[in-house]
Amino acid sequence: MKAQSTSVVIPVESMDEAVNQWSALLGVEPTFVDGDRWAQLDIGETRLSLAGSDRSSDEVGLLIKVSDARASQLSLIELGFTTGPLVSGNHEERFNVEDLSVPVTFYSKAG
């Protein structure tokens, strides 16, 4: 298991408002918007993710992209970490790592 990329995830109540505010603050247009569920803004090699109605936490957290979420979950369990269930979303498979100081979600593309 190796992380491919990371992203800070910020929970938001109004996706439209948050996308407009962060776009103005960063001077970039969103790379991806999925209705009121999710948005991403890329700044160079850094990604900021906005979690709307499809979020696993109400706290700012870390999102870690891997090639295979299911295999990564099994590896982390073998290392002694506790994880939540593997969840299949519209675009991804994901799971949370429990009992850390900040919310951490691992994900891979669906399919």
C-alpha atoms as a PDB file:
ATOM      1  CA  MET A   1       0.000   0.000   0.000  1.00  0.00           C
ATOM      2  CA  LYS A   2       1.368   3.382  -1.028  1.00  0.00           C
ATOM      3  CA  ALA A   3      -0.404   6.731  -1.031  1.00  0.00           C
ATOM      4  CA  GLN A   4      -0.780   8.200  -4.518  1.00  0.00           C
ATOM      5  CA  SER A   5      -1.877  11.630  -3.311  1.00  0.00           C
ATOM      6  CA  THR A   6      -3.431  13.430  -0.373  1.00  0.00           C
ATOM      7  CA  SER A   7      -6.009  16.161  -0.017  1.00  0.00           C
ATOM      8  CA  VAL A   8      -7.354  18.283   2.808  1.00  0.00           C
ATOM      9  CA  VAL A   9     -11.122  17.780   3.100  1.00  0.00           C
ATOM     10  CA  ILE A  10     -13.298  20.616   4.381  1.00  0.00           C
ATOM     11  CA  PRO A  11     -16.939  19.891   5.257  1.00  0.00           C
ATOM     12  CA  VAL A  12     -19.357  22.522   3.908  1.00  0.00           C
ATOM     13  CA  GLU A  13     -23.061  23.204   4.318  1.00  0.00           C
ATOM     14  CA  SER A  14     -23.645  25.001   0.990  1.00  0.00           C
ATOM     15  CA  MET A  15     -21.584  23.636  -1.903  1.00  0.00           C
ATOM     16  CA  ASP A  16     -22.389  26.522  -4.266  1.00  0.00           C
ATOM     17  CA  GLU A  17     -21.355  29.104  -1.674  1.00  0.00           C
ATOM     18  CA  ALA A  18     -18.209  27.181  -0.699  1.00  0.00           C
ATOM     19  CA  VAL A  19     -17.098  26.665  -4.315  1.00  0.00           C
ATOM     20  CA  ASN A  20     -17.558  30.376  -5.036  1.00  0.00           C
ATOM     21  CA  GLN A  21     -15.672  31.417  -1.889  1.00  0.00           C
ATOM     22  CA  TRP A  22     -12.735  29.018  -2.314  1.00  0.00           C
ATOM     23  CA  SER A  23     -12.463  29.752  -6.045  1.00  0.00           C
ATOM     24  CA  ALA A  24     -12.228  33.462  -5.273  1.00  0.00           C
ATOM     25  CA  LEU A  25      -9.752  32.929  -2.404  1.00  0.00           C
ATOM     26  CA  LEU A  26      -7.456  30.659  -4.440  1.00  0.00           C
ATOM     27  CA  GLY A  27      -7.952  32.253  -7.856  1.00  0.00           C
ATOM     28  CA  VAL A  28      -8.792  28.926  -9.528  1.00  0.00           C
ATOM     29  CA  GLU A  29     -11.907  27.310 -10.915  1.00  0.00           C
ATOM     30  CA  PRO A  30     -13.000  23.956  -9.470  1.00  0.00           C
ATOM     31  CA  THR A  31     -11.570  20.891 -11.157  1.00  0.00           C
ATOM     32  CA  PHE A  32     -14.634  18.805 -10.329  1.00  0.00           C
ATOM     33  CA  VAL A  33     -18.083  19.498  -8.863  1.00  0.00           C
ATOM     34  CA  ASP A  34     -20.649  16.762  -8.168  1.00  0.00           C
ATOM     35  CA  GLY A  35     -23.792  18.709  -7.286  1.00  0.00           C
ATOM     36  CA  ASP A  36     -24.135  19.358  -3.557  1.00  0.00           C
ATOM     37  CA  ARG A  37     -22.045  16.257  -2.722  1.00  0.00           C
ATOM     38  CA  TRP A  38     -18.413  17.045  -3.529  1.00  0.00           C
ATOM     39  CA  ALA A  39     -16.013  19.511  -5.194  1.00  0.00           C
ATOM     40  CA  GLN A  40     -12.278  19.664  -5.827  1.00  0.00           C
ATOM     41  CA  LEU A  41      -9.973  22.583  -6.520  1.00  0.00           C
ATOM     42  CA  ASP A  42      -6.434  21.840  -7.734  1.00  0.00           C
ATOM     43  CA  ILE A  43      -3.603  24.269  -7.119  1.00  0.00           C
ATOM     44  CA  GLY A  44      -0.481  22.870  -8.749  1.00  0.00           C
ATOM     45  CA  GLU A  45      -0.058  19.401  -7.267  1.00  0.00           C
ATOM     46  CA  THR A  46      -2.174  20.255  -4.221  1.00  0.00           C
ATOM     47  CA  ARG A  47      -5.866  19.444  -4.027  1.00  0.00           C
ATOM     48  CA  LEU A  48      -8.495  20.996  -1.770  1.00  0.00           C
ATOM     49  CA  SER A  49     -11.654  18.911  -1.406  1.00  0.00           C
ATOM     50  CA  LEU A  50     -15.026  20.244  -0.286  1.00  0.00           C
ATOM     51  CA  ALA A  51     -17.388  17.664   1.197  1.00  0.00           C
ATOM     52  CA  GLY A  52     -21.071  18.541   1.092  1.00  0.00           C
ATOM     53  CA  SER A  53     -23.883  16.055   1.483  1.00  0.00           C
ATOM     54  CA  ASP A  54     -21.546  13.078   0.842  1.00  0.00           C
ATOM     55  CA  ARG A  55     -19.153  13.373   3.752  1.00  0.00           C
ATOM     56  CA  SER A  56     -17.903  10.975   6.350  1.00  0.00           C
ATOM     57  CA  SER A  57     -17.086  13.606   8.988  1.00  0.00           C
ATOM     58  CA  ASP A  58     -18.086  17.083  10.091  1.00  0.00           C
ATOM     59  CA  GLU A  59     -14.440  17.897  10.864  1.00  0.00           C
ATOM     60  CA  VAL A  60     -11.604  18.956   8.570  1.00  0.00           C
ATOM     61  CA  GLY A  61      -9.684  15.821   7.671  1.00  0.00           C
ATOM     62  CA  LEU A  62      -7.224  14.105   5.369  1.00  0.00           C
ATOM     63  CA  LEU A  63      -8.125  12.172   2.223  1.00  0.00           C
ATOM     64  CA  ILE A  64      -5.576   9.612   0.977  1.00  0.00           C
ATOM     65  CA  LYS A  65      -5.832   8.206  -2.562  1.00  0.00           C
ATOM     66  CA  VAL A  66      -4.593   4.643  -3.082  1.00  0.00           C
ATOM     67  CA  SER A  67      -4.784   2.257  -6.026  1.00  0.00           C
ATOM     68  CA  ASP A  68      -6.971  -0.270  -4.184  1.00  0.00           C
ATOM     69  CA  ALA A  69      -9.026   0.793  -1.152  1.00  0.00           C
ATOM     70  CA  ARG A  70     -10.024  -2.764  -0.228  1.00  0.00           C
ATOM     71  CA  ALA A  71      -6.400  -4.028  -0.219  1.00  0.00           C
ATOM     72  CA  SER A  72      -5.253  -0.940   1.707  1.00  0.00           C
ATOM     73  CA  GLN A  73      -7.941  -1.506   4.325  1.00  0.00           C
ATOM     74  CA  LEU A  74      -6.809  -5.112   4.838  1.00  0.00           C
ATOM     75  CA  SER A  75      -3.154  -4.003   5.101  1.00  0.00           C
ATOM     76  CA  LEU A  76      -3.989  -1.381   7.719  1.00  0.00           C
ATOM     77  CA  ILE A  77      -6.034  -3.889   9.740  1.00  0.00           C
ATOM     78  CA  GLU A  78      -3.039  -6.276   9.664  1.00  0.00           C
ATOM     79  CA  LEU A  79      -0.887  -3.410  11.000  1.00  0.00           C
ATOM     80  CA  GLY A  80      -3.278  -2.996  13.931  1.00  0.00           C
ATOM     81  CA  PHE A  81      -5.390  -0.052  12.771  1.00  0.00           C
ATOM     82  CA  THR A  82      -9.156  -0.030  13.229  1.00  0.00           C
ATOM     83  CA  THR A  83     -11.195   0.942  10.177  1.00  0.00           C
ATOM     84  CA  GLY A  84     -14.788   1.642   9.402  1.00  0.00           C
ATOM     85  CA  PRO A  85     -16.619  -0.318   6.706  1.00  0.00           C
ATOM     86  CA  LEU A  86     -15.689  -0.091   3.027  1.00  0.00           C
ATOM     87  CA  VAL A  87     -18.291   2.155   1.362  1.00  0.00           C
ATOM     88  CA  SER A  88     -19.006   2.308  -2.372  1.00  0.00           C
ATOM     89  CA  GLY A  89     -19.819   5.831  -3.552  1.00  0.00           C
ATOM     90  CA  ASN A  90     -20.762   7.113  -7.003  1.00  0.00           C
ATOM     91  CA  HIS A  91     -17.129   7.564  -8.045  1.00  0.00           C
ATOM     92  CA  GLU A  92     -15.051   5.774  -5.407  1.00  0.00           C
ATOM     93  CA  GLU A  93     -14.632   3.129  -2.737  1.00  0.00           C
ATOM     94  CA  ARG A  94     -13.614   4.509   0.655  1.00  0.00           C
ATOM     95  CA  PHE A  95     -13.127   3.733   4.312  1.00  0.00           C
ATOM     96  CA  ASN A  96     -12.213   5.699   7.419  1.00  0.00           C
ATOM     97  CA  VAL A  97      -9.371   4.942   9.795  1.00  0.00           C
ATOM     98  CA  GLU A  98     -10.703   5.120  13.339  1.00  0.00           C
ATOM     99  CA  ASP A  99      -9.170   6.509  16.553  1.00  0.00           C
ATOM    100  CA  LEU A 100      -6.745   9.002  14.972  1.00  0.00           C
ATOM    101  CA  SER A 101      -6.383  12.646  16.031  1.00  0.00           C
ATOM    102  CA  VAL A 102      -7.978  13.838  12.748  1.00  0.00           C
ATOM    103  CA  PRO A 103     -10.466  12.151  10.403  1.00  0.00           C
ATOM    104  CA  VAL A 104      -8.600  10.117   7.748  1.00  0.00           C
ATOM    105  CA  THR A 105     -10.313   8.566   4.735  1.00  0.00           C
ATOM    106  CA  PHE A 106      -8.632   6.255   2.228  1.00  0.00           C
ATOM    107  CA  TYR A 107     -10.169   5.958  -1.242  1.00  0.00           C
ATOM    108  CA  SER A 108      -9.669   4.567  -4.726  1.00  0.00           C
ATOM    109  CA  LYS A 109     -11.607   5.073  -7.930  1.00  0.00           C
ATOM    110  CA  ALA A 110     -14.655   2.869  -8.309  1.00  0.00           C
ATOM    111  CA  GLY A 111     -14.498  -0.040 -10.662  1.00  0.00           C
END
